[in-house]
Structure formats: structure tokens, C-alpha cells
């Protein structure tokens, strides 16, 4: 299959997914209205406001799909759509008194994703151990427990999930991942 056909197929799939999400949102708003409006209009109005905001995100993503001409960009858009689906689930789960789908943050998934994106290793963005320690704000005399704790704090700080989907700190995130991996690989030689 050539790239043009792959792009067309991916755009079609993403557009269908958005359409189904919009239909689901409409049904959820109707259900929330029937369940809460009379007894607790504040709950309903807060829910409606959240879902309206999510619908706005879906509209933005749909426009990005239309404008995109590269398969790689469609992959990024699919990731954004996945994030929006998680926000929908997070918002509607209490409405239906069900448990939210578990999407626990796992560092192993985090490392694998960034290794894949960097073509085998994020550490290529970090030139030396000194630079790695500097990126983490450390002197270089700390033990691995301190290094790991510092890394986890920074990773959570820069991760898009902790920033409401904001991906503007991805470069910093990749650098601290690379720094941590470089320190970890060379830990036996630094002590």
C-alpha cells in the first residue's frame, strides 16, 4: 500500500473514531441531564461544561486530520485522540458509577516509547555524564536512589499527562530521560 492510500485510510479511521466519540458524548450529556438536572443541576452543568470542552478538543483534532499530509503527523494526532479518549473516560465513569479504565503511569512504557522515538536510545541527546547530572540538577556525587528520585520527579513534571496534554516540554523530557539512562548505564564507573 502506498503512502497516499495509508494516509487516506488513517484519516478515515481517525475521523470515524471522532464521530463515534461525539455520538457517545451526546448520549452521555442526555443521560446526565436525565439523571442529575432535576436533583442536582450543578453536577449536570459541570459535566456538560467538561464535555463541551472535550468536544472542542475533538473539533481541533478533526481540523488537524484534514490539514495533515504526512503519516507520521497522523500518528501524533492518533496519540492526542487517545489522550482525549482517556479524558472522556475519566469524566463519564463517575456518571455511570463505574471504575475508570486503568492507565497507570509506568516508567517502563515511558522508556520504551522514548527509546523507540530516538532510534534506540534517548541518551544520544546527552553528551557526557557531567551534562547528564547537570540536566537533572545534581552535582554528580549522589547515589542512584537520589538520581532516580530526582529523575522521577522531573519526568512527572514534564510528562504531557501531568501537564493536561501539553506536549511543549517533550524536548526537556527526552533530555532528562537520556540523562538518567546515561547515568544508570555508567553508574558502576561513577562510584
N, C-alpha and C. Protein backbone atom coordinates (compact mmCIF):
# COMPACT_ATOMS: atom_id res chain seq x y z
N UNK A 1 0.85 -1.17 0.00
CA UNK A 1 0.00 0.00 0.00
C UNK A 1 0.90 1.24 0.00
N UNK A 2 0.63 2.16 -0.91
CA UNK A 2 1.44 3.37 -0.99
C UNK A 2 1.05 4.35 0.11
N UNK A 3 1.92 5.35 0.33
CA UNK A 3 1.72 6.30 1.43
C UNK A 3 0.41 7.09 1.29
N UNK A 4 0.05 7.48 0.09
CA UNK A 4 -1.18 8.25 -0.10
C UNK A 4 -2.40 7.46 0.36
N UNK A 5 -2.43 6.18 0.03
CA UNK A 5 -3.55 5.33 0.46
C UNK A 5 -3.52 5.13 1.97
N UNK A 6 -2.34 4.94 2.55
CA UNK A 6 -2.22 4.79 4.01
C UNK A 6 -2.71 6.04 4.72
N UNK A 7 -2.34 7.19 4.18
CA UNK A 7 -2.77 8.47 4.77
C UNK A 7 -4.28 8.59 4.70
N UNK A 8 -4.86 8.28 3.55
CA UNK A 8 -6.31 8.36 3.38
C UNK A 8 -7.02 7.42 4.34
N UNK A 9 -6.52 6.17 4.43
CA UNK A 9 -7.13 5.19 5.34
C UNK A 9 -7.03 5.64 6.79
N UNK A 10 -5.87 6.15 7.20
CA UNK A 10 -5.69 6.59 8.58
C UNK A 10 -6.60 7.79 8.89
N UNK A 11 -6.71 8.71 7.94
CA UNK A 11 -7.60 9.86 8.13
C UNK A 11 -9.05 9.40 8.30
N UNK A 12 -9.45 8.43 7.48
CA UNK A 12 -10.81 7.91 7.56
C UNK A 12 -11.06 7.26 8.91
N UNK A 13 -10.12 6.44 9.39
CA UNK A 13 -10.27 5.77 10.69
C UNK A 13 -10.35 6.77 11.83
N UNK A 14 -9.48 7.76 11.81
CA UNK A 14 -9.48 8.76 12.87
C UNK A 14 -10.77 9.58 12.86
N UNK A 15 -11.24 9.93 11.67
CA UNK A 15 -12.48 10.70 11.54
C UNK A 15 -13.67 9.89 12.05
N UNK A 16 -13.70 8.58 11.73
CA UNK A 16 -14.78 7.72 12.23
C UNK A 16 -14.74 7.63 13.75
N UNK A 17 -13.54 7.51 14.29
CA UNK A 17 -13.40 7.44 15.74
C UNK A 17 -13.93 8.71 16.40
N UNK A 18 -13.61 9.86 15.83
CA UNK A 18 -14.10 11.13 16.36
C UNK A 18 -15.62 11.19 16.28
N UNK A 19 -16.18 10.73 15.17
CA UNK A 19 -17.63 10.73 15.01
C UNK A 19 -18.28 9.87 16.10
N UNK A 20 -17.73 8.69 16.37
CA UNK A 20 -18.28 7.82 17.41
C UNK A 20 -18.13 8.44 18.80
N UNK A 21 -17.02 9.11 19.04
CA UNK A 21 -16.83 9.78 20.32
C UNK A 21 -17.84 10.90 20.50
N UNK A 22 -18.09 11.65 19.44
CA UNK A 22 -19.09 12.74 19.52
C UNK A 22 -20.48 12.20 19.81
N UNK A 23 -20.85 11.10 19.15
CA UNK A 23 -22.15 10.47 19.40
C UNK A 23 -22.23 10.02 20.85
N UNK A 24 -21.17 9.39 21.34
CA UNK A 24 -21.13 8.96 22.73
C UNK A 24 -21.27 10.12 23.70
N UNK A 25 -20.60 11.23 23.39
CA UNK A 25 -20.68 12.42 24.25
C UNK A 25 -22.12 12.94 24.29
N UNK A 26 -22.76 13.00 23.13
CA UNK A 26 -24.16 13.46 23.09
C UNK A 26 -25.04 12.57 23.96
N UNK A 27 -24.85 11.25 23.87
CA UNK A 27 -25.64 10.32 24.68
C UNK A 27 -25.34 10.50 26.17
N UNK A 28 -24.07 10.72 26.50
CA UNK A 28 -23.69 10.92 27.90
C UNK A 28 -24.30 12.19 28.46
N UNK A 29 -24.35 13.24 27.66
CA UNK A 29 -24.95 14.50 28.12
C UNK A 29 -26.46 14.32 28.36
N UNK A 30 -27.12 13.61 27.46
CA UNK A 30 -28.55 13.34 27.64
C UNK A 30 -28.77 12.54 28.92
N UNK A 31 -27.96 11.50 29.12
CA UNK A 31 -28.09 10.68 30.32
C UNK A 31 -27.84 11.52 31.58
N UNK A 32 -26.80 12.35 31.56
CA UNK A 32 -26.50 13.21 32.71
C UNK A 32 -27.65 14.16 32.99
N UNK A 33 -28.25 14.69 31.94
CA UNK A 33 -29.39 15.59 32.12
C UNK A 33 -30.53 14.87 32.81
N UNK A 34 -30.86 13.68 32.30
CA UNK A 34 -31.96 12.91 32.87
C UNK A 34 -31.68 12.49 34.31
N UNK A 35 -30.45 12.18 34.60
CA UNK A 35 -30.08 11.67 35.93
C UNK A 35 -29.92 12.79 36.96
N UNK A 36 -29.36 13.94 36.56
CA UNK A 36 -28.95 14.95 37.54
C UNK A 36 -29.65 16.30 37.48
N UNK A 37 -30.23 16.66 36.36
CA UNK A 37 -30.66 18.05 36.22
C UNK A 37 -31.69 18.47 37.28
N UNK A 38 -32.68 17.62 37.51
CA UNK A 38 -33.72 18.00 38.48
C UNK A 38 -33.19 18.05 39.91
N UNK A 39 -32.44 17.04 40.30
CA UNK A 39 -31.99 16.93 41.69
C UNK A 39 -30.71 17.70 41.99
N UNK A 40 -29.80 17.74 41.05
CA UNK A 40 -28.52 18.40 41.29
C UNK A 40 -28.03 19.03 39.99
N UNK A 41 -28.62 20.16 39.65
CA UNK A 41 -28.29 20.80 38.38
C UNK A 41 -26.82 21.20 38.29
N UNK A 42 -26.19 21.49 39.43
CA UNK A 42 -24.77 21.85 39.42
C UNK A 42 -23.91 20.71 38.86
N UNK A 43 -24.21 19.48 39.29
CA UNK A 43 -23.46 18.31 38.78
C UNK A 43 -23.64 18.20 37.27
N UNK A 44 -24.88 18.36 36.83
CA UNK A 44 -25.13 18.28 35.39
C UNK A 44 -24.38 19.38 34.63
N UNK A 45 -24.49 20.61 35.11
CA UNK A 45 -23.86 21.74 34.40
C UNK A 45 -22.34 21.60 34.37
N UNK A 46 -21.74 21.13 35.45
CA UNK A 46 -20.29 20.91 35.48
C UNK A 46 -19.91 19.82 34.47
N UNK A 47 -20.70 18.75 34.42
CA UNK A 47 -20.46 17.67 33.47
C UNK A 47 -20.58 18.18 32.04
N UNK A 48 -21.65 18.91 31.78
CA UNK A 48 -21.87 19.44 30.42
C UNK A 48 -20.71 20.35 30.00
N UNK A 49 -20.23 21.17 30.93
CA UNK A 49 -19.12 22.07 30.62
C UNK A 49 -17.86 21.28 30.25
N UNK A 50 -17.56 20.22 31.02
CA UNK A 50 -16.39 19.39 30.72
C UNK A 50 -16.54 18.73 29.35
N UNK A 51 -17.73 18.22 29.07
CA UNK A 51 -17.93 17.53 27.80
C UNK A 51 -17.91 18.51 26.62
N UNK A 52 -18.37 19.72 26.83
CA UNK A 52 -18.29 20.74 25.79
C UNK A 52 -16.84 21.07 25.49
N UNK A 53 -16.03 21.15 26.52
CA UNK A 53 -14.60 21.40 26.35
C UNK A 53 -13.94 20.26 25.57
N UNK A 54 -14.30 19.03 25.91
CA UNK A 54 -13.75 17.87 25.20
C UNK A 54 -14.21 17.87 23.74
N UNK A 55 -15.46 18.25 23.49
CA UNK A 55 -15.95 18.34 22.12
C UNK A 55 -15.14 19.36 21.32
N UNK A 56 -14.76 20.46 21.97
CA UNK A 56 -13.89 21.45 21.33
C UNK A 56 -12.54 20.86 20.96
N UNK A 57 -11.98 20.03 21.84
CA UNK A 57 -10.72 19.35 21.53
C UNK A 57 -10.88 18.42 20.33
N UNK A 58 -12.00 17.71 20.28
CA UNK A 58 -12.25 16.83 19.13
C UNK A 58 -12.34 17.61 17.83
N UNK A 59 -12.92 18.80 17.89
CA UNK A 59 -13.01 19.64 16.70
C UNK A 59 -11.62 20.08 16.23
N UNK A 60 -10.78 20.45 17.17
CA UNK A 60 -9.41 20.85 16.84
C UNK A 60 -8.68 19.68 16.20
N UNK A 61 -8.82 18.49 16.79
CA UNK A 61 -8.16 17.30 16.25
C UNK A 61 -8.69 16.98 14.86
N UNK A 62 -9.99 17.11 14.65
CA UNK A 62 -10.57 16.86 13.33
C UNK A 62 -9.96 17.81 12.29
N UNK A 63 -9.81 19.07 12.64
CA UNK A 63 -9.18 20.04 11.73
C UNK A 63 -7.73 19.66 11.44
N UNK A 64 -7.02 19.16 12.44
CA UNK A 64 -5.64 18.72 12.23
C UNK A 64 -5.58 17.54 11.27
N UNK A 65 -6.55 16.65 11.39
CA UNK A 65 -6.61 15.48 10.49
C UNK A 65 -6.77 15.95 9.05
N UNK A 66 -7.68 16.88 8.84
CA UNK A 66 -7.96 17.38 7.49
C UNK A 66 -6.71 18.03 6.90
N UNK A 67 -5.98 18.81 7.70
CA UNK A 67 -4.83 19.57 7.21
C UNK A 67 -3.56 18.73 7.07
N UNK A 68 -3.48 17.60 7.73
CA UNK A 68 -2.26 16.79 7.74
C UNK A 68 -2.05 16.08 6.42
N UNK A 69 -0.77 16.05 6.01
CA UNK A 69 -0.43 15.39 4.76
C UNK A 69 0.64 14.30 4.94
N UNK A 70 1.06 14.09 6.20
CA UNK A 70 2.12 13.09 6.46
C UNK A 70 1.63 12.04 7.44
N UNK A 71 2.01 10.80 7.18
CA UNK A 71 1.61 9.67 8.00
C UNK A 71 2.12 9.82 9.44
N UNK A 72 3.35 10.30 9.59
CA UNK A 72 3.92 10.49 10.92
C UNK A 72 3.07 11.46 11.75
N UNK A 73 2.62 12.54 11.13
CA UNK A 73 1.78 13.51 11.83
C UNK A 73 0.45 12.88 12.25
N UNK A 74 -0.09 11.99 11.42
CA UNK A 74 -1.33 11.31 11.77
C UNK A 74 -1.13 10.41 12.98
N UNK A 75 0.06 9.84 13.11
CA UNK A 75 0.37 9.03 14.29
C UNK A 75 0.33 9.88 15.55
N UNK A 76 0.88 11.08 15.48
CA UNK A 76 0.86 12.02 16.61
C UNK A 76 -0.58 12.42 16.94
N UNK A 77 -1.37 12.64 15.90
CA UNK A 77 -2.77 13.01 16.10
C UNK A 77 -3.52 11.86 16.77
N UNK A 78 -3.22 10.63 16.37
CA UNK A 78 -3.85 9.46 16.99
C UNK A 78 -3.52 9.40 18.49
N UNK A 79 -2.27 9.76 18.85
CA UNK A 79 -1.89 9.80 20.26
C UNK A 79 -2.71 10.86 21.00
N UNK A 80 -2.88 12.02 20.39
CA UNK A 80 -3.69 13.08 21.01
C UNK A 80 -5.14 12.61 21.20
N UNK A 81 -5.65 11.93 20.20
CA UNK A 81 -7.01 11.42 20.29
C UNK A 81 -7.12 10.39 21.42
N UNK A 82 -6.10 9.58 21.59
CA UNK A 82 -6.08 8.63 22.71
C UNK A 82 -6.14 9.35 24.04
N UNK A 83 -5.41 10.45 24.14
CA UNK A 83 -5.44 11.26 25.36
C UNK A 83 -6.86 11.79 25.61
N UNK A 84 -7.52 12.27 24.58
CA UNK A 84 -8.88 12.79 24.72
C UNK A 84 -9.83 11.66 25.14
N UNK A 85 -9.66 10.48 24.58
CA UNK A 85 -10.49 9.34 24.99
C UNK A 85 -10.34 9.05 26.48
N UNK A 86 -9.12 9.15 26.98
CA UNK A 86 -8.88 8.94 28.41
C UNK A 86 -9.61 10.00 29.23
N UNK A 87 -9.59 11.26 28.77
CA UNK A 87 -10.29 12.33 29.49
C UNK A 87 -11.80 12.08 29.49
N UNK A 88 -12.31 11.56 28.36
CA UNK A 88 -13.74 11.24 28.29
C UNK A 88 -14.06 10.16 29.33
N UNK A 89 -13.27 9.10 29.34
CA UNK A 89 -13.50 8.01 30.29
C UNK A 89 -13.42 8.52 31.73
N UNK A 90 -12.45 9.36 31.99
CA UNK A 90 -12.29 9.94 33.33
C UNK A 90 -13.52 10.76 33.73
N UNK A 91 -14.10 11.44 32.77
CA UNK A 91 -15.25 12.31 33.04
C UNK A 91 -16.56 11.53 33.16
N UNK A 92 -16.77 10.51 32.34
CA UNK A 92 -18.05 9.81 32.35
C UNK A 92 -18.10 8.65 33.35
N UNK A 93 -16.99 8.12 33.78
CA UNK A 93 -17.01 6.99 34.71
C UNK A 93 -17.83 7.26 35.97
N UNK A 94 -17.65 8.41 36.63
CA UNK A 94 -18.49 8.67 37.81
C UNK A 94 -19.98 8.77 37.47
N UNK A 95 -20.30 9.25 36.30
CA UNK A 95 -21.69 9.39 35.89
C UNK A 95 -22.40 8.04 35.89
N UNK A 96 -21.69 7.00 35.43
CA UNK A 96 -22.26 5.67 35.34
C UNK A 96 -21.88 4.79 36.53
N UNK A 97 -21.25 5.40 37.54
CA UNK A 97 -20.80 4.67 38.74
C UNK A 97 -19.95 3.45 38.38
N UNK A 98 -19.02 3.65 37.47
CA UNK A 98 -18.13 2.55 37.10
C UNK A 98 -16.69 2.98 37.32
N UNK A 99 -15.86 1.99 37.45
CA UNK A 99 -14.44 2.26 37.63
C UNK A 99 -13.84 2.71 36.31
N UNK A 100 -12.93 3.60 36.43
CA UNK A 100 -12.23 4.13 35.29
C UNK A 100 -11.26 3.10 34.74
N UNK A 101 -11.07 3.08 33.44
CA UNK A 101 -10.08 2.19 32.83
C UNK A 101 -8.71 2.60 33.36
N UNK A 102 -7.96 1.64 33.80
CA UNK A 102 -6.67 1.94 34.42
C UNK A 102 -5.64 2.30 33.36
N UNK A 103 -5.06 3.48 33.49
CA UNK A 103 -4.00 3.93 32.60
C UNK A 103 -2.85 4.44 33.46
N UNK A 104 -2.42 3.57 34.40
CA UNK A 104 -1.39 3.95 35.34
C UNK A 104 -0.09 4.29 34.61
N UNK A 105 0.54 5.34 35.05
CA UNK A 105 1.81 5.77 34.51
C UNK A 105 2.88 4.74 34.87
N UNK A 106 3.53 4.16 33.87
CA UNK A 106 4.57 3.17 34.12
C UNK A 106 5.86 3.64 33.44
N UNK A 107 6.93 3.70 34.21
CA UNK A 107 8.19 4.17 33.65
C UNK A 107 8.74 3.24 32.58
N UNK A 108 8.46 1.94 32.65
CA UNK A 108 8.95 1.02 31.62
C UNK A 108 8.35 1.38 30.26
N UNK A 109 7.05 1.66 30.23
CA UNK A 109 6.40 2.09 28.97
C UNK A 109 6.99 3.40 28.50
N UNK A 110 7.23 4.28 29.44
CA UNK A 110 7.79 5.60 29.18
C UNK A 110 9.16 5.47 28.49
N UNK A 111 10.06 4.64 29.06
CA UNK A 111 11.39 4.46 28.48
C UNK A 111 11.31 3.81 27.10
N UNK A 112 10.49 2.79 26.98
CA UNK A 112 10.37 2.10 25.69
C UNK A 112 9.90 3.04 24.60
N UNK A 113 8.94 3.90 24.91
CA UNK A 113 8.43 4.85 23.93
C UNK A 113 9.53 5.80 23.47
N UNK A 114 10.29 6.35 24.40
CA UNK A 114 11.32 7.31 24.04
C UNK A 114 12.53 6.67 23.38
N UNK A 115 12.85 5.44 23.75
CA UNK A 115 13.91 4.72 23.04
C UNK A 115 13.53 4.53 21.58
N UNK A 116 12.27 4.12 21.38
CA UNK A 116 11.75 3.91 20.03
C UNK A 116 11.82 5.21 19.22
N UNK A 117 11.39 6.32 19.82
CA UNK A 117 11.38 7.60 19.13
C UNK A 117 12.79 8.08 18.80
N UNK A 118 13.75 7.73 19.64
CA UNK A 118 15.12 8.20 19.44
C UNK A 118 15.95 7.22 18.61
N UNK A 119 15.30 6.18 18.09
CA UNK A 119 16.02 5.22 17.26
C UNK A 119 16.96 4.36 18.07
N UNK A 120 16.54 3.97 19.27
CA UNK A 120 17.36 3.05 20.04
C UNK A 120 17.81 3.60 21.37
N UNK A 121 17.91 4.90 21.52
CA UNK A 121 18.35 5.41 22.81
C UNK A 121 18.24 6.90 22.93
N UNK A 122 17.53 7.35 23.93
CA UNK A 122 17.37 8.79 24.16
C UNK A 122 18.67 9.41 24.66
N UNK A 123 19.57 8.57 25.17
CA UNK A 123 20.80 9.11 25.73
C UNK A 123 21.67 9.82 24.69
N UNK A 124 21.37 9.62 23.39
CA UNK A 124 22.15 10.27 22.34
C UNK A 124 22.05 11.80 22.39
N UNK A 125 21.01 12.32 23.07
CA UNK A 125 20.86 13.77 23.20
C UNK A 125 21.75 14.35 24.29
N UNK A 126 22.36 13.49 25.11
CA UNK A 126 23.20 13.94 26.22
C UNK A 126 24.64 13.56 25.91
N UNK A 127 25.53 14.57 25.93
CA UNK A 127 26.91 14.35 25.50
C UNK A 127 27.84 13.72 26.52
N UNK A 128 27.62 13.97 27.81
CA UNK A 128 28.56 13.47 28.82
C UNK A 128 27.84 13.24 30.14
N UNK A 129 28.53 12.54 31.04
CA UNK A 129 27.97 12.33 32.37
C UNK A 129 27.78 13.65 33.10
N UNK A 130 28.72 14.57 32.94
CA UNK A 130 28.59 15.87 33.60
C UNK A 130 27.32 16.56 33.11
N UNK A 131 27.11 16.55 31.80
CA UNK A 131 25.89 17.15 31.26
C UNK A 131 24.64 16.44 31.79
N UNK A 132 24.71 15.12 31.91
CA UNK A 132 23.58 14.35 32.42
C UNK A 132 23.23 14.77 33.84
N UNK A 133 24.24 14.88 34.70
CA UNK A 133 23.99 15.31 36.08
C UNK A 133 23.47 16.74 36.12
N UNK A 134 24.03 17.60 35.27
CA UNK A 134 23.57 18.99 35.21
C UNK A 134 22.11 19.09 34.80
N UNK A 135 21.70 18.27 33.82
CA UNK A 135 20.31 18.28 33.36
C UNK A 135 19.34 17.89 34.48
N UNK A 136 19.81 17.01 35.36
CA UNK A 136 18.97 16.60 36.49
C UNK A 136 19.12 17.53 37.69
N UNK A 137 20.02 18.50 37.57
CA UNK A 137 20.24 19.44 38.68
C UNK A 137 21.01 18.82 39.82
N UNK A 138 21.89 17.89 39.50
CA UNK A 138 22.65 17.18 40.52
C UNK A 138 24.14 17.48 40.39
N UNK A 139 24.87 17.25 41.47
CA UNK A 139 26.32 17.53 41.46
C UNK A 139 27.14 16.41 40.85
N UNK A 140 26.62 15.19 40.92
CA UNK A 140 27.37 14.04 40.43
C UNK A 140 27.87 13.17 41.55
N UNK A 141 27.70 13.61 42.79
CA UNK A 141 28.14 12.84 43.95
C UNK A 141 27.00 12.05 44.59
N UNK A 142 25.79 12.15 44.04
CA UNK A 142 24.63 11.50 44.62
C UNK A 142 24.62 10.00 44.30
N UNK A 143 23.97 9.23 45.20
CA UNK A 143 23.81 7.81 44.91
C UNK A 143 22.63 7.63 43.95
N UNK A 144 22.44 6.41 43.46
CA UNK A 144 21.41 6.16 42.45
C UNK A 144 20.00 6.37 42.98
N UNK A 145 19.79 6.19 44.27
CA UNK A 145 18.47 6.44 44.83
C UNK A 145 18.08 7.91 44.66
N UNK A 146 19.01 8.81 44.92
CA UNK A 146 18.75 10.25 44.75
C UNK A 146 18.58 10.57 43.27
N UNK A 147 19.40 9.98 42.42
CA UNK A 147 19.30 10.21 40.99
C UNK A 147 17.93 9.77 40.48
N UNK A 148 17.51 8.56 40.88
CA UNK A 148 16.23 8.03 40.44
C UNK A 148 15.07 8.87 40.95
N UNK A 149 15.13 9.26 42.21
CA UNK A 149 14.06 10.09 42.79
C UNK A 149 13.97 11.43 42.05
N UNK A 150 15.11 12.03 41.79
CA UNK A 150 15.13 13.32 41.07
C UNK A 150 14.59 13.15 39.67
N UNK A 151 15.03 12.08 39.00
CA UNK A 151 14.54 11.82 37.64
C UNK A 151 13.02 11.65 37.62
N UNK A 152 12.49 10.84 38.53
CA UNK A 152 11.05 10.59 38.56
C UNK A 152 10.27 11.89 38.77
N UNK A 153 10.76 12.72 39.66
CA UNK A 153 10.09 14.00 39.92
C UNK A 153 10.07 14.85 38.66
N UNK A 154 11.20 14.94 37.97
CA UNK A 154 11.27 15.75 36.75
C UNK A 154 10.45 15.15 35.61
N UNK A 155 10.49 13.82 35.49
CA UNK A 155 9.74 13.15 34.43
C UNK A 155 8.25 13.40 34.60
N UNK A 156 7.78 13.31 35.83
CA UNK A 156 6.35 13.57 36.07
C UNK A 156 6.03 15.03 35.81
N UNK A 157 6.96 15.91 36.13
CA UNK A 157 6.74 17.34 35.92
C UNK A 157 6.60 17.67 34.44
N UNK A 158 7.43 17.06 33.59
CA UNK A 158 7.44 17.40 32.17
C UNK A 158 6.54 16.51 31.32
N UNK A 159 6.04 15.42 31.86
CA UNK A 159 5.24 14.49 31.07
C UNK A 159 3.92 15.14 30.65
N UNK A 160 3.49 14.94 29.39
CA UNK A 160 2.25 15.56 28.90
C UNK A 160 1.02 15.25 29.76
N UNK A 161 0.94 14.06 30.33
CA UNK A 161 -0.21 13.70 31.16
C UNK A 161 -0.30 14.60 32.39
N UNK A 162 0.84 14.98 32.93
CA UNK A 162 0.85 15.84 34.12
C UNK A 162 0.60 17.31 33.75
N UNK A 163 0.66 17.61 32.46
CA UNK A 163 0.51 18.99 32.00
C UNK A 163 -0.77 19.15 31.18
N UNK A 164 -1.73 18.30 31.44
CA UNK A 164 -3.02 18.41 30.76
C UNK A 164 -2.92 18.17 29.26
N UNK A 165 -1.97 17.35 28.82
CA UNK A 165 -1.81 17.06 27.40
C UNK A 165 -0.84 17.98 26.68
N UNK A 166 -0.34 18.97 27.37
CA UNK A 166 0.61 19.93 26.79
C UNK A 166 1.93 19.21 26.48
N UNK A 167 2.29 19.18 25.21
CA UNK A 167 3.48 18.45 24.78
C UNK A 167 4.67 19.39 24.54
N UNK A 168 4.58 20.62 25.01
CA UNK A 168 5.63 21.60 24.72
C UNK A 168 6.93 21.34 25.49
N UNK A 169 6.93 20.44 26.45
CA UNK A 169 8.14 20.13 27.22
C UNK A 169 8.75 18.79 26.81
N UNK A 170 8.39 18.28 25.64
CA UNK A 170 8.91 16.98 25.22
C UNK A 170 10.42 16.97 25.05
N UNK A 171 10.99 18.07 24.58
CA UNK A 171 12.44 18.11 24.39
C UNK A 171 13.14 17.97 25.74
N UNK A 172 12.66 18.73 26.75
CA UNK A 172 13.24 18.62 28.09
C UNK A 172 13.06 17.22 28.64
N UNK A 173 11.88 16.65 28.39
CA UNK A 173 11.59 15.30 28.86
C UNK A 173 12.56 14.29 28.24
N UNK A 174 12.77 14.39 26.94
CA UNK A 174 13.70 13.48 26.27
C UNK A 174 15.11 13.64 26.82
N UNK A 175 15.49 14.88 27.11
CA UNK A 175 16.84 15.11 27.64
C UNK A 175 17.02 14.50 29.02
N UNK A 176 16.01 14.64 29.88
CA UNK A 176 16.19 14.06 31.21
C UNK A 176 16.13 12.54 31.16
N UNK A 177 15.35 11.98 30.22
CA UNK A 177 15.35 10.53 30.04
C UNK A 177 16.74 10.08 29.61
N UNK A 178 17.30 10.79 28.63
CA UNK A 178 18.65 10.45 28.17
C UNK A 178 19.68 10.60 29.27
N UNK A 179 19.54 11.65 30.06
CA UNK A 179 20.48 11.87 31.17
C UNK A 179 20.39 10.73 32.17
N UNK A 180 19.20 10.37 32.55
CA UNK A 180 19.03 9.29 33.52
C UNK A 180 19.57 7.97 32.98
N UNK A 181 19.28 7.66 31.72
CA UNK A 181 19.77 6.41 31.15
C UNK A 181 21.29 6.38 31.09
N UNK A 182 21.90 7.51 30.74
CA UNK A 182 23.36 7.57 30.67
C UNK A 182 23.97 7.38 32.07
N UNK A 183 23.40 8.03 33.06
CA UNK A 183 23.91 7.87 34.43
C UNK A 183 23.73 6.43 34.88
N UNK A 184 22.57 5.86 34.60
CA UNK A 184 22.30 4.49 35.00
C UNK A 184 23.26 3.50 34.35
N UNK A 185 23.53 3.70 33.06
CA UNK A 185 24.46 2.81 32.35
C UNK A 185 25.88 2.93 32.88
N UNK A 186 26.25 4.10 33.34
CA UNK A 186 27.61 4.34 33.80
C UNK A 186 27.74 4.40 35.32
N UNK A 187 26.71 3.97 36.03
CA UNK A 187 26.69 4.08 37.49
C UNK A 187 27.88 3.34 38.12
N UNK A 188 28.16 2.16 37.62
CA UNK A 188 29.25 1.38 38.21
C UNK A 188 30.61 2.07 38.07
N UNK A 189 30.77 2.91 37.05
CA UNK A 189 32.05 3.59 36.85
C UNK A 189 32.12 4.92 37.60
N UNK A 190 30.94 5.45 38.03
CA UNK A 190 30.94 6.75 38.71
C UNK A 190 31.15 6.62 40.21
N UNK A 191 31.03 5.47 40.77
CA UNK A 191 31.18 5.26 42.22
C UNK A 191 32.56 4.81 42.56
